[in-house]
Amino acid sequence: MGKIESDSIANDFLQGLLKGDRAKCSALAHEYLAQNPSIKDLYEKVFRVALYDVGKLWENNKITVATEHMATAITEGILNELFEQIISTDRTNKKVVLACVEGEKHQVGIKMVADMFEMKGWESFFLGSGIPTGELIRFIRQTEPHVVAISLSIYFNYANLVKMVEAIRAEFPEILLLVGGQAFTRITNNELEKTPKLVMLSDLNMLEQFIDTLNRK
């Protein structure tokens, strides 16, 4: 499927989200997979593109918070529909814990990241939103994952992310941290770039390469 078709479906998906038409959005997702059987491409070229546009509309007061929540809920529902196609039978012995930054409620992006790890054979512990840093640290201690992934969608929560990363790094100096999310498109002075053993990824293509590299170790 070429770029034009992907852009067209992404726009149609966006319009379906804004109208609250879950059936249309689900049909578009399955139509895309029928032409291009790549869950990663669907996530990257349709879901991520549409949700970033939803986020921009909300930030510019073009849509209400209710519409924004509806759009993310529809997308998350479709992710759940596709889950059976995601689980890899070729499992690794690696584990990842995934969560949103403390105080944030936007968990669709990090759910797609969790699905990417599952497709690559990892055991993913998807904690979603609303996890206090102390509870996240306690869970990391219990599960002993190879990677901890944290999502930042809202620019104003960047300070919370910095505190969260510092707290995790203080407890687990050797654990590999992965961060990303829409908010990083607006951050110009990112102090996290100096954090040791922290990887910042901007899209699912980079994530796939990152996981493949870890799987070869």
N, C-alpha and C. Protein backbone atom coordinates (compact mmCIF):
# COMPACT_ATOMS: atom_id res chain seq x y z
N MET A 1 0.85 -1.19 0.00
CA MET A 1 0.00 0.00 0.00
C MET A 1 0.88 1.23 0.00
N GLY A 2 0.64 2.16 -0.91
CA GLY A 2 1.46 3.35 -1.01
C GLY A 2 1.07 4.42 -0.02
N LYS A 3 1.87 5.49 -0.06
CA LYS A 3 1.69 6.58 0.89
C LYS A 3 0.33 7.24 0.73
N ILE A 4 -0.11 7.42 -0.54
CA ILE A 4 -1.38 8.10 -0.78
C ILE A 4 -2.53 7.31 -0.15
N GLU A 5 -2.53 5.99 -0.35
CA GLU A 5 -3.59 5.19 0.22
C GLU A 5 -3.56 5.23 1.75
N SER A 6 -2.37 5.18 2.33
CA SER A 6 -2.25 5.23 3.78
C SER A 6 -2.77 6.56 4.31
N ASP A 7 -2.39 7.65 3.64
CA ASP A 7 -2.85 8.97 4.07
C ASP A 7 -4.36 9.08 3.97
N SER A 8 -4.92 8.51 2.91
CA SER A 8 -6.36 8.57 2.71
C SER A 8 -7.10 7.81 3.80
N ILE A 9 -6.63 6.61 4.11
CA ILE A 9 -7.28 5.83 5.15
C ILE A 9 -7.09 6.49 6.51
N ALA A 10 -5.91 7.08 6.75
CA ALA A 10 -5.68 7.77 8.02
C ALA A 10 -6.65 8.93 8.18
N ASN A 11 -6.90 9.66 7.09
CA ASN A 11 -7.84 10.77 7.16
C ASN A 11 -9.27 10.27 7.37
N ASP A 12 -9.64 9.21 6.66
CA ASP A 12 -10.98 8.63 6.85
C ASP A 12 -11.13 8.11 8.28
N PHE A 13 -10.06 7.52 8.80
CA PHE A 13 -10.09 7.01 10.18
C PHE A 13 -10.27 8.18 11.14
N LEU A 14 -9.56 9.27 10.90
CA LEU A 14 -9.69 10.46 11.74
C LEU A 14 -11.13 10.97 11.74
N GLN A 15 -11.73 11.08 10.56
CA GLN A 15 -13.10 11.57 10.48
C GLN A 15 -14.06 10.63 11.21
N GLY A 16 -13.81 9.34 11.11
CA GLY A 16 -14.64 8.38 11.83
C GLY A 16 -14.51 8.54 13.34
N LEU A 17 -13.28 8.78 13.80
CA LEU A 17 -13.06 9.01 15.23
C LEU A 17 -13.82 10.24 15.71
N LEU A 18 -13.74 11.32 14.95
CA LEU A 18 -14.36 12.57 15.37
C LEU A 18 -15.89 12.47 15.38
N LYS A 19 -16.42 11.58 14.54
CA LYS A 19 -17.88 11.38 14.51
C LYS A 19 -18.33 10.30 15.49
N GLY A 20 -17.38 9.62 16.10
CA GLY A 20 -17.74 8.54 17.03
C GLY A 20 -18.22 7.29 16.34
N ASP A 21 -17.79 7.08 15.10
CA ASP A 21 -18.26 5.94 14.30
C ASP A 21 -17.28 4.78 14.45
N ARG A 22 -17.44 4.00 15.50
CA ARG A 22 -16.51 2.89 15.75
C ARG A 22 -16.58 1.85 14.64
N ALA A 23 -17.77 1.56 14.15
CA ALA A 23 -17.91 0.54 13.11
C ALA A 23 -17.11 0.93 11.86
N LYS A 24 -17.19 2.20 11.48
CA LYS A 24 -16.43 2.66 10.31
C LYS A 24 -14.94 2.54 10.56
N CYS A 25 -14.49 2.96 11.74
CA CYS A 25 -13.06 2.91 12.06
C CYS A 25 -12.55 1.47 12.07
N SER A 26 -13.34 0.56 12.63
CA SER A 26 -12.95 -0.84 12.65
C SER A 26 -12.86 -1.40 11.23
N ALA A 27 -13.84 -1.05 10.39
CA ALA A 27 -13.84 -1.53 9.01
C ALA A 27 -12.61 -1.00 8.26
N LEU A 28 -12.24 0.26 8.50
CA LEU A 28 -11.08 0.84 7.83
C LEU A 28 -9.79 0.12 8.25
N ALA A 29 -9.70 -0.21 9.54
CA ALA A 29 -8.52 -0.93 10.03
C ALA A 29 -8.39 -2.29 9.35
N HIS A 30 -9.48 -3.01 9.26
CA HIS A 30 -9.44 -4.33 8.64
C HIS A 30 -9.22 -4.22 7.13
N GLU A 31 -9.75 -3.15 6.51
CA GLU A 31 -9.51 -2.92 5.09
C GLU A 31 -8.02 -2.69 4.83
N TYR A 32 -7.41 -1.90 5.70
CA TYR A 32 -5.97 -1.64 5.56
C TYR A 32 -5.17 -2.93 5.66
N LEU A 33 -5.50 -3.76 6.67
CA LEU A 33 -4.76 -5.00 6.87
C LEU A 33 -4.98 -5.99 5.73
N ALA A 34 -6.13 -5.92 5.08
CA ALA A 34 -6.38 -6.79 3.94
C ALA A 34 -5.45 -6.45 2.78
N GLN A 35 -5.10 -5.16 2.65
CA GLN A 35 -4.22 -4.71 1.57
C GLN A 35 -2.75 -4.75 1.98
N ASN A 36 -2.50 -4.54 3.26
CA ASN A 36 -1.13 -4.51 3.77
C ASN A 36 -1.12 -5.19 5.13
N PRO A 37 -0.86 -6.49 5.17
CA PRO A 37 -0.99 -7.25 6.43
C PRO A 37 0.15 -6.97 7.42
N SER A 38 0.28 -5.72 7.80
CA SER A 38 1.30 -5.33 8.77
C SER A 38 0.65 -4.52 9.88
N ILE A 39 0.55 -5.13 11.06
CA ILE A 39 -0.01 -4.42 12.21
C ILE A 39 0.81 -3.17 12.51
N LYS A 40 2.14 -3.29 12.40
CA LYS A 40 3.00 -2.14 12.68
C LYS A 40 2.67 -0.97 11.76
N ASP A 41 2.49 -1.23 10.46
CA ASP A 41 2.17 -0.15 9.52
C ASP A 41 0.80 0.45 9.82
N LEU A 42 -0.16 -0.39 10.18
CA LEU A 42 -1.48 0.12 10.56
C LEU A 42 -1.36 1.06 11.74
N TYR A 43 -0.62 0.64 12.74
CA TYR A 43 -0.44 1.48 13.93
C TYR A 43 0.28 2.79 13.59
N GLU A 44 1.35 2.67 12.80
CA GLU A 44 2.21 3.83 12.52
C GLU A 44 1.57 4.80 11.52
N LYS A 45 1.02 4.25 10.43
CA LYS A 45 0.57 5.09 9.32
C LYS A 45 -0.89 5.51 9.41
N VAL A 46 -1.68 4.81 10.22
CA VAL A 46 -3.10 5.16 10.34
C VAL A 46 -3.43 5.62 11.76
N PHE A 47 -3.26 4.74 12.75
CA PHE A 47 -3.65 5.07 14.12
C PHE A 47 -2.85 6.25 14.67
N ARG A 48 -1.51 6.18 14.55
CA ARG A 48 -0.68 7.23 15.14
C ARG A 48 -0.92 8.57 14.45
N VAL A 49 -1.01 8.55 13.12
CA VAL A 49 -1.24 9.78 12.37
C VAL A 49 -2.58 10.41 12.77
N ALA A 50 -3.63 9.60 12.84
CA ALA A 50 -4.95 10.11 13.19
C ALA A 50 -4.99 10.63 14.62
N LEU A 51 -4.38 9.89 15.55
CA LEU A 51 -4.42 10.32 16.95
C LEU A 51 -3.57 11.55 17.20
N TYR A 52 -2.48 11.71 16.48
CA TYR A 52 -1.70 12.95 16.60
C TYR A 52 -2.54 14.13 16.13
N ASP A 53 -3.31 13.94 15.06
CA ASP A 53 -4.19 15.00 14.59
C ASP A 53 -5.29 15.31 15.61
N VAL A 54 -5.82 14.27 16.25
CA VAL A 54 -6.80 14.48 17.31
C VAL A 54 -6.18 15.31 18.44
N GLY A 55 -4.96 14.96 18.82
CA GLY A 55 -4.28 15.70 19.88
C GLY A 55 -4.07 17.16 19.53
N LYS A 56 -3.70 17.43 18.29
CA LYS A 56 -3.51 18.82 17.86
C LYS A 56 -4.82 19.58 17.86
N LEU A 57 -5.89 18.94 17.42
CA LEU A 57 -7.20 19.60 17.43
C LEU A 57 -7.63 19.94 18.85
N TRP A 58 -7.37 19.02 19.78
CA TRP A 58 -7.73 19.27 21.17
C TRP A 58 -6.88 20.40 21.77
N GLU A 59 -5.58 20.38 21.51
CA GLU A 59 -4.71 21.41 22.05
C GLU A 59 -5.07 22.80 21.52
N ASN A 60 -5.61 22.85 20.31
CA ASN A 60 -6.00 24.13 19.71
C ASN A 60 -7.48 24.47 19.92
N ASN A 61 -8.11 23.72 20.84
CA ASN A 61 -9.52 23.97 21.19
C ASN A 61 -10.46 23.84 20.00
N LYS A 62 -10.11 22.97 19.06
CA LYS A 62 -10.99 22.74 17.90
C LYS A 62 -11.99 21.62 18.17
N ILE A 63 -11.68 20.77 19.16
CA ILE A 63 -12.61 19.73 19.59
C ILE A 63 -12.65 19.73 21.11
N THR A 64 -13.70 19.15 21.67
CA THR A 64 -13.84 19.10 23.13
C THR A 64 -13.04 17.94 23.69
N VAL A 65 -12.83 17.97 25.00
CA VAL A 65 -12.13 16.86 25.65
C VAL A 65 -12.96 15.58 25.54
N ALA A 66 -14.29 15.73 25.49
CA ALA A 66 -15.16 14.55 25.33
C ALA A 66 -14.89 13.86 23.99
N THR A 67 -14.76 14.66 22.93
CA THR A 67 -14.48 14.09 21.62
C THR A 67 -13.11 13.43 21.59
N GLU A 68 -12.14 14.08 22.23
CA GLU A 68 -10.79 13.51 22.30
C GLU A 68 -10.79 12.18 23.02
N HIS A 69 -11.52 12.10 24.14
CA HIS A 69 -11.61 10.85 24.89
C HIS A 69 -12.32 9.77 24.07
N MET A 70 -13.36 10.17 23.34
CA MET A 70 -14.09 9.22 22.52
C MET A 70 -13.18 8.64 21.43
N ALA A 71 -12.39 9.49 20.82
CA ALA A 71 -11.49 9.05 19.75
C ALA A 71 -10.46 8.04 20.27
N THR A 72 -9.90 8.32 21.42
CA THR A 72 -8.90 7.41 21.97
C THR A 72 -9.55 6.10 22.42
N ALA A 73 -10.77 6.18 22.96
CA ALA A 73 -11.48 4.97 23.39
C ALA A 73 -11.80 4.07 22.20
N ILE A 74 -12.22 4.67 21.09
CA ILE A 74 -12.51 3.88 19.89
C ILE A 74 -11.25 3.17 19.41
N THR A 75 -10.15 3.90 19.36
CA THR A 75 -8.90 3.31 18.88
C THR A 75 -8.44 2.19 19.80
N GLU A 76 -8.56 2.40 21.10
CA GLU A 76 -8.15 1.37 22.04
C GLU A 76 -9.02 0.12 21.89
N GLY A 77 -10.30 0.33 21.62
CA GLY A 77 -11.18 -0.82 21.39
C GLY A 77 -10.77 -1.63 20.18
N ILE A 78 -10.32 -0.95 19.12
CA ILE A 78 -9.88 -1.65 17.92
C ILE A 78 -8.56 -2.38 18.19
N LEU A 79 -7.68 -1.78 19.01
CA LEU A 79 -6.46 -2.49 19.40
C LEU A 79 -6.81 -3.82 20.06
N ASN A 80 -7.82 -3.80 20.91
CA ASN A 80 -8.24 -5.03 21.58
C ASN A 80 -8.79 -6.04 20.58
N GLU A 81 -9.49 -5.55 19.55
CA GLU A 81 -10.01 -6.44 18.51
C GLU A 81 -8.88 -7.20 17.82
N LEU A 82 -7.76 -6.52 17.63
CA LEU A 82 -6.66 -7.07 16.84
C LEU A 82 -5.69 -7.90 17.66
N PHE A 83 -5.91 -8.00 18.96
CA PHE A 83 -4.89 -8.59 19.84
C PHE A 83 -4.54 -10.02 19.47
N GLU A 84 -5.51 -10.80 19.02
CA GLU A 84 -5.23 -12.20 18.69
C GLU A 84 -4.24 -12.32 17.53
N GLN A 85 -4.18 -11.29 16.68
CA GLN A 85 -3.25 -11.31 15.55
C GLN A 85 -1.84 -10.88 15.97
N ILE A 86 -1.72 -10.41 17.20
CA ILE A 86 -0.47 -9.80 17.64
C ILE A 86 0.45 -10.77 18.36
N ILE A 87 -0.11 -11.65 19.17
CA ILE A 87 0.71 -12.53 19.99
C ILE A 87 1.59 -13.43 19.13
N SER A 88 2.89 -13.37 19.38
CA SER A 88 3.82 -14.22 18.65
C SER A 88 3.96 -15.57 19.35
N THR A 89 4.00 -16.64 18.57
CA THR A 89 4.21 -17.96 19.16
C THR A 89 5.70 -18.20 19.43
N ASP A 90 6.54 -17.37 18.82
CA ASP A 90 7.99 -17.47 19.03
C ASP A 90 8.37 -16.55 20.18
N ARG A 91 8.37 -17.09 21.40
CA ARG A 91 8.57 -16.26 22.58
C ARG A 91 10.04 -16.15 22.95
N THR A 92 10.41 -14.99 23.49
CA THR A 92 11.74 -14.81 24.05
C THR A 92 11.63 -14.94 25.57
N ASN A 93 12.73 -14.77 26.26
CA ASN A 93 12.68 -14.79 27.72
C ASN A 93 12.78 -13.37 28.28
N LYS A 94 12.40 -12.40 27.46
CA LYS A 94 12.55 -11.00 27.85
C LYS A 94 11.22 -10.40 28.28
N LYS A 95 11.30 -9.42 29.20
CA LYS A 95 10.11 -8.78 29.76
C LYS A 95 10.22 -7.26 29.68
N VAL A 96 9.08 -6.61 29.47
CA VAL A 96 9.03 -5.15 29.44
C VAL A 96 7.84 -4.69 30.27
N VAL A 97 8.05 -3.65 31.05
CA VAL A 97 6.98 -2.99 31.80
C VAL A 97 6.70 -1.65 31.12
N LEU A 98 5.42 -1.38 30.89
CA LEU A 98 5.04 -0.18 30.15
C LEU A 98 4.00 0.61 30.92
N ALA A 99 4.17 1.94 30.96
CA ALA A 99 3.24 2.80 31.69
C ALA A 99 3.27 4.20 31.11
N CYS A 100 2.24 4.96 31.43
CA CYS A 100 2.23 6.39 31.12
C CYS A 100 2.93 7.16 32.22
N VAL A 101 3.38 8.35 31.90
CA VAL A 101 3.96 9.21 32.92
C VAL A 101 2.90 9.51 33.98
N GLU A 102 3.35 9.66 35.21
CA GLU A 102 2.40 9.91 36.31
C GLU A 102 1.57 11.16 36.02
N GLY A 103 0.26 11.05 36.24
CA GLY A 103 -0.65 12.17 36.02
C GLY A 103 -1.24 12.23 34.63
N GLU A 104 -0.86 11.32 33.75
CA GLU A 104 -1.37 11.34 32.38
C GLU A 104 -2.38 10.22 32.15
N LYS A 105 -3.35 10.48 31.28
CA LYS A 105 -4.43 9.52 31.06
C LYS A 105 -4.44 8.97 29.63
N HIS A 106 -3.49 9.37 28.81
CA HIS A 106 -3.49 8.96 27.41
C HIS A 106 -2.63 7.71 27.24
N GLN A 107 -3.27 6.55 27.14
CA GLN A 107 -2.54 5.29 27.15
C GLN A 107 -2.55 4.53 25.83
N VAL A 108 -3.17 5.08 24.80
CA VAL A 108 -3.25 4.33 23.55
C VAL A 108 -1.86 4.16 22.92
N GLY A 109 -1.04 5.22 22.96
CA GLY A 109 0.28 5.14 22.37
C GLY A 109 1.14 4.07 23.00
N ILE A 110 1.16 4.02 24.32
CA ILE A 110 1.98 3.03 25.02
C ILE A 110 1.39 1.62 24.86
N LYS A 111 0.08 1.54 24.62
CA LYS A 111 -0.54 0.23 24.33
C LYS A 111 -0.03 -0.30 22.99
N MET A 112 0.13 0.57 22.00
CA MET A 112 0.68 0.15 20.72
C MET A 112 2.13 -0.31 20.88
N VAL A 113 2.87 0.37 21.74
CA VAL A 113 4.25 -0.04 22.02
C VAL A 113 4.26 -1.43 22.66
N ALA A 114 3.35 -1.66 23.61
CA ALA A 114 3.24 -2.98 24.25
C ALA A 114 2.95 -4.06 23.21
N ASP A 115 2.05 -3.75 22.29
CA ASP A 115 1.72 -4.72 21.24
C ASP A 115 2.93 -5.04 20.36
N MET A 116 3.75 -4.01 20.08
CA MET A 116 4.96 -4.25 19.28
C MET A 116 5.89 -5.21 19.99
N PHE A 117 6.06 -5.04 21.29
CA PHE A 117 6.91 -5.98 22.04
C PHE A 117 6.32 -7.39 22.00
N GLU A 118 4.98 -7.50 22.13
CA GLU A 118 4.33 -8.82 22.07
C GLU A 118 4.56 -9.47 20.72
N MET A 119 4.49 -8.69 19.65
CA MET A 119 4.70 -9.24 18.31
C MET A 119 6.11 -9.79 18.15
N LYS A 120 7.03 -9.23 18.94
CA LYS A 120 8.43 -9.67 18.88
C LYS A 120 8.75 -10.73 19.93
N GLY A 121 7.72 -11.28 20.59
CA GLY A 121 7.91 -12.41 21.48
C GLY A 121 8.17 -12.06 22.93
N TRP A 122 8.08 -10.77 23.29
CA TRP A 122 8.33 -10.37 24.66
C TRP A 122 7.08 -10.57 25.52
N GLU A 123 7.30 -10.69 26.83
CA GLU A 123 6.20 -10.67 27.79
C GLU A 123 6.03 -9.23 28.23
N SER A 124 4.89 -8.64 27.90
CA SER A 124 4.68 -7.23 28.21
C SER A 124 3.73 -7.08 29.40
N PHE A 125 4.11 -6.23 30.32
CA PHE A 125 3.28 -5.88 31.47
C PHE A 125 2.79 -4.45 31.25
N PHE A 126 1.59 -4.34 30.68
CA PHE A 126 1.02 -3.04 30.31
C PHE A 126 0.24 -2.48 31.49
N LEU A 127 0.77 -1.44 32.11
CA LEU A 127 0.13 -0.85 33.28
C LEU A 127 -0.76 0.33 32.93
N GLY A 128 -0.60 0.88 31.74
CA GLY A 128 -1.46 1.97 31.30
C GLY A 128 -1.25 3.25 32.07
N SER A 129 -2.34 4.00 32.27
CA SER A 129 -2.27 5.31 32.92
C SER A 129 -2.62 5.20 34.40
N GLY A 130 -2.31 6.28 35.11
CA GLY A 130 -2.73 6.39 36.50
C GLY A 130 -1.87 5.62 37.50
N ILE A 131 -0.65 5.24 37.09
CA ILE A 131 0.22 4.50 38.01
C ILE A 131 1.17 5.47 38.71
N PRO A 132 1.08 5.62 40.03
CA PRO A 132 2.04 6.48 40.75
C PRO A 132 3.45 5.92 40.62
N THR A 133 4.42 6.81 40.66
CA THR A 133 5.81 6.39 40.47
C THR A 133 6.23 5.34 41.49
N GLY A 134 5.83 5.51 42.73
CA GLY A 134 6.19 4.55 43.77
C GLY A 134 5.66 3.16 43.47
N GLU A 135 4.44 3.08 42.96
CA GLU A 135 3.86 1.78 42.61
C GLU A 135 4.56 1.17 41.40
N LEU A 136 4.94 2.02 40.45
CA LEU A 136 5.67 1.53 39.29
C LEU A 136 7.01 0.94 39.71
N ILE A 137 7.71 1.62 40.59
CA ILE A 137 9.00 1.12 41.08
C ILE A 137 8.82 -0.21 41.80
N ARG A 138 7.77 -0.32 42.59
CA ARG A 138 7.50 -1.57 43.31
C ARG A 138 7.23 -2.71 42.31
N PHE A 139 6.50 -2.40 41.25
CA PHE A 139 6.18 -3.42 40.25
C PHE A 139 7.44 -3.83 39.48
N ILE A 140 8.30 -2.89 39.18
CA ILE A 140 9.56 -3.19 38.50
C ILE A 140 10.40 -4.14 39.37
N ARG A 141 10.42 -3.88 40.65
CA ARG A 141 11.19 -4.72 41.56
C ARG A 141 10.64 -6.16 41.56
N GLN A 142 9.31 -6.29 41.45
CA GLN A 142 8.67 -7.62 41.47
C GLN A 142 8.95 -8.39 40.18
N THR A 143 8.85 -7.72 39.05
CA THR A 143 8.89 -8.41 37.75
C THR A 143 10.28 -8.51 37.14
N GLU A 144 11.20 -7.62 37.55
CA GLU A 144 12.57 -7.60 37.04
C GLU A 144 12.61 -7.60 35.50
N PRO A 145 12.03 -6.57 34.87
CA PRO A 145 12.01 -6.52 33.40
C PRO A 145 13.36 -6.13 32.82
N HIS A 146 13.54 -6.41 31.54
CA HIS A 146 14.73 -5.97 30.82
C HIS A 146 14.62 -4.51 30.40
N VAL A 147 13.39 -4.06 30.16
CA VAL A 147 13.14 -2.69 29.69
C VAL A 147 11.93 -2.11 30.42
N VAL A 148 12.00 -0.82 30.71
CA VAL A 148 10.83 -0.08 31.21
C VAL A 148 10.53 1.02 30.20
N ALA A 149 9.31 1.04 29.68
CA ALA A 149 8.91 2.02 28.67
C ALA A 149 7.87 2.98 29.26
N ILE A 150 8.08 4.28 29.03
CA ILE A 150 7.18 5.30 29.56
C ILE A 150 6.76 6.23 28.44
N SER A 151 5.47 6.53 28.39
CA SER A 151 4.90 7.38 27.35
C SER A 151 4.55 8.76 27.89
N LEU A 152 4.86 9.78 27.07
CA LEU A 152 4.51 11.16 27.39
C LEU A 152 3.74 11.75 26.21
N SER A 153 2.45 12.01 26.42
CA SER A 153 1.62 12.55 25.35
C SER A 153 1.41 14.06 25.47
N ILE A 154 1.32 14.55 26.69
CA ILE A 154 1.01 15.96 26.93
C ILE A 154 2.27 16.70 27.35
N TYR A 155 2.60 17.75 26.63
CA TYR A 155 3.82 18.53 26.86
C TYR A 155 3.94 19.01 28.30
N PHE A 156 2.84 19.40 28.90
CA PHE A 156 2.87 19.97 30.24
C PHE A 156 3.24 18.94 31.32
N ASN A 157 3.26 17.67 30.96
CA ASN A 157 3.64 16.62 31.91
C ASN A 157 5.12 16.26 31.83
N TYR A 158 5.89 17.03 31.07
CA TYR A 158 7.30 16.71 30.90
C TYR A 158 8.06 16.70 32.23
N ALA A 159 7.77 17.67 33.11
CA ALA A 159 8.45 17.72 34.41
C ALA A 159 8.17 16.46 35.21
N ASN A 160 6.94 15.93 35.10
CA ASN A 160 6.60 14.68 35.79
C ASN A 160 7.43 13.51 35.24
N LEU A 161 7.65 13.53 33.94
CA LEU A 161 8.45 12.46 33.33
C LEU A 161 9.89 12.51 33.85
N VAL A 162 10.45 13.71 33.91
CA VAL A 162 11.83 13.85 34.40
C VAL A 162 11.94 13.30 35.82
N LYS A 163 11.00 13.65 36.68
CA LYS A 163 11.01 13.15 38.06
C LYS A 163 10.86 11.63 38.10
N MET A 164 9.99 11.10 37.23
CA MET A 164 9.74 9.66 37.19
C MET A 164 11.01 8.91 36.77
N VAL A 165 11.67 9.43 35.72
CA VAL A 165 12.89 8.80 35.23
C VAL A 165 13.98 8.85 36.30
N GLU A 166 14.12 9.99 36.97
CA GLU A 166 15.13 10.12 38.02
C GLU A 166 14.88 9.14 39.16
N ALA A 167 13.60 8.96 39.52
CA ALA A 167 13.27 8.03 40.61
C ALA A 167 13.56 6.59 40.21
N ILE A 168 13.22 6.22 38.99
CA ILE A 168 13.49 4.85 38.52
C ILE A 168 14.99 4.61 38.41
N ARG A 169 15.70 5.59 37.87
CA ARG A 169 17.14 5.44 37.71
C ARG A 169 17.85 5.32 39.07
N ALA A 170 17.35 6.03 40.08
CA ALA A 170 17.94 5.95 41.42
C ALA A 170 17.79 4.55 42.01
N GLU A 171 16.66 3.91 41.73
CA GLU A 171 16.40 2.57 42.26
C GLU A 171 17.03 1.48 41.40
N PHE A 172 17.06 1.70 40.09
CA PHE A 172 17.54 0.68 39.16
C PHE A 172 18.55 1.32 38.19
N PRO A 173 19.78 1.51 38.61
CA PRO A 173 20.76 2.23 37.79
C PRO A 173 21.12 1.53 36.48
N GLU A 174 20.87 0.23 36.37
CA GLU A 174 21.29 -0.50 35.18
C GLU A 174 20.15 -0.81 34.22
N ILE A 175 18.92 -0.57 34.63
CA ILE A 175 17.79 -0.96 33.78
C ILE A 175 17.70 -0.05 32.56
N LEU A 176 17.32 -0.61 31.43
CA LEU A 176 17.20 0.14 30.19
C LEU A 176 15.84 0.84 30.15
N LEU A 177 15.85 2.16 29.97
CA LEU A 177 14.62 2.95 29.92
C LEU A 177 14.33 3.36 28.49
N LEU A 178 13.07 3.32 28.14
CA LEU A 178 12.60 3.71 26.81
C LEU A 178 11.51 4.76 26.98
N VAL A 179 11.66 5.91 26.32
CA VAL A 179 10.65 6.96 26.42
C VAL A 179 10.28 7.45 25.03
N GLY A 180 9.04 7.95 24.91
CA GLY A 180 8.57 8.49 23.64
C GLY A 180 7.16 9.01 23.81
N GLY A 181 6.61 9.53 22.72
CA GLY A 181 5.25 10.06 22.76
C GLY A 181 5.13 11.37 22.01
N GLN A 182 3.90 11.76 21.76
CA GLN A 182 3.63 12.94 20.94
C GLN A 182 4.22 14.21 21.53
N ALA A 183 4.33 14.29 22.84
CA ALA A 183 4.81 15.52 23.48
C ALA A 183 6.22 15.88 23.04
N PHE A 184 7.02 14.89 22.64
CA PHE A 184 8.41 15.18 22.28
C PHE A 184 8.53 15.97 20.98
N THR A 185 7.45 16.09 20.23
CA THR A 185 7.49 16.94 19.03
C THR A 185 7.54 18.41 19.42
N ARG A 186 7.26 18.74 20.68
CA ARG A 186 7.25 20.14 21.13
C ARG A 186 8.39 20.46 22.11
N ILE A 187 9.14 19.47 22.51
CA ILE A 187 10.19 19.69 23.49
C ILE A 187 11.50 20.03 22.77
N THR A 188 12.05 21.20 23.05
CA THR A 188 13.28 21.64 22.38
C THR A 188 14.51 21.44 23.26
N ASN A 189 14.37 21.59 24.56
CA ASN A 189 15.51 21.42 25.46
C ASN A 189 15.25 20.20 26.34
N ASN A 190 15.65 19.05 25.83
CA ASN A 190 15.31 17.79 26.50
C ASN A 190 16.48 17.32 27.36
N GLU A 191 16.37 17.56 28.64
CA GLU A 191 17.45 17.19 29.56
C GLU A 191 17.59 15.68 29.72
N LEU A 192 16.58 14.91 29.32
CA LEU A 192 16.66 13.46 29.45
C LEU A 192 17.67 12.84 28.50
N GLU A 193 18.08 13.59 27.47
CA GLU A 193 19.04 13.05 26.52
C GLU A 193 20.37 12.70 27.18
N LYS A 194 20.63 13.30 28.34
CA LYS A 194 21.89 13.04 29.06
C LYS A 194 21.77 11.87 30.03
N THR A 195 20.57 11.32 30.16
CA THR A 195 20.36 10.22 31.11
C THR A 195 21.01 8.93 30.61
N PRO A 196 21.83 8.28 31.41
CA PRO A 196 22.45 7.03 30.97
C PRO A 196 21.44 5.91 30.80
N LYS A 197 21.71 5.04 29.83
CA LYS A 197 20.87 3.86 29.56
C LYS A 197 19.41 4.24 29.34
N LEU A 198 19.20 5.36 28.63
CA LEU A 198 17.85 5.80 28.25
C LEU A 198 17.81 5.99 26.74
N VAL A 199 16.79 5.41 26.12
CA VAL A 199 16.62 5.48 24.67
C VAL A 199 15.34 6.24 24.37
N MET A 200 15.42 7.20 23.45
CA MET A 200 14.24 7.95 23.03
C MET A 200 13.91 7.56 21.59
N LEU A 201 12.66 7.13 21.38
CA LEU A 201 12.23 6.70 20.06
C LEU A 201 11.02 7.50 19.62
N SER A 202 11.01 7.89 18.36
CA SER A 202 9.95 8.78 17.87
C SER A 202 8.86 8.07 17.08
N ASP A 203 9.10 6.83 16.67
CA ASP A 203 8.06 6.13 15.91
C ASP A 203 8.22 4.62 16.06
N LEU A 204 7.25 3.90 15.52
CA LEU A 204 7.24 2.44 15.67
C LEU A 204 8.27 1.74 14.79
N ASN A 205 8.69 2.38 13.72
CA ASN A 205 9.75 1.80 12.90
C ASN A 205 11.06 1.75 13.68
N MET A 206 11.37 2.85 14.39
CA MET A 206 12.56 2.87 15.24
C MET A 206 12.41 1.87 16.39
N LEU A 207 11.20 1.75 16.92
CA LEU A 207 10.96 0.80 17.99
C LEU A 207 11.22 -0.63 17.51
N GLU A 208 10.75 -0.95 16.33
CA GLU A 208 10.96 -2.30 15.80
C GLU A 208 12.45 -2.61 15.68
N GLN A 209 13.23 -1.66 15.18
CA GLN A 209 14.67 -1.86 15.06
C GLN A 209 15.31 -2.04 16.43
N PHE A 210 14.84 -1.26 17.40
CA PHE A 210 15.34 -1.32 18.77
C PHE A 210 15.09 -2.71 19.37
N ILE A 211 13.87 -3.22 19.21
CA ILE A 211 13.53 -4.54 19.76
C ILE A 211 14.32 -5.64 19.05
N ASP A 212 14.43 -5.52 17.73
CA ASP A 212 15.18 -6.54 16.97
C ASP A 212 16.64 -6.59 17.45
N THR A 213 17.22 -5.43 17.73
CA THR A 213 18.60 -5.39 18.24
C THR A 213 18.70 -6.10 19.59
N LEU A 214 17.74 -5.84 20.47
CA LEU A 214 17.74 -6.50 21.77
C LEU A 214 17.52 -8.01 21.65
N ASN A 215 16.70 -8.41 20.71
CA ASN A 215 16.42 -9.84 20.53
C ASN A 215 17.64 -10.61 20.01
N ARG A 216 18.55 -9.91 19.36
CA ARG A 216 19.75 -10.57 18.84
C ARG A 216 20.81 -10.75 19.93
N LYS A 217 20.61 -10.12 21.07
CA LYS A 217 21.60 -10.21 22.15
C LYS A 217 21.38 -11.48 22.97
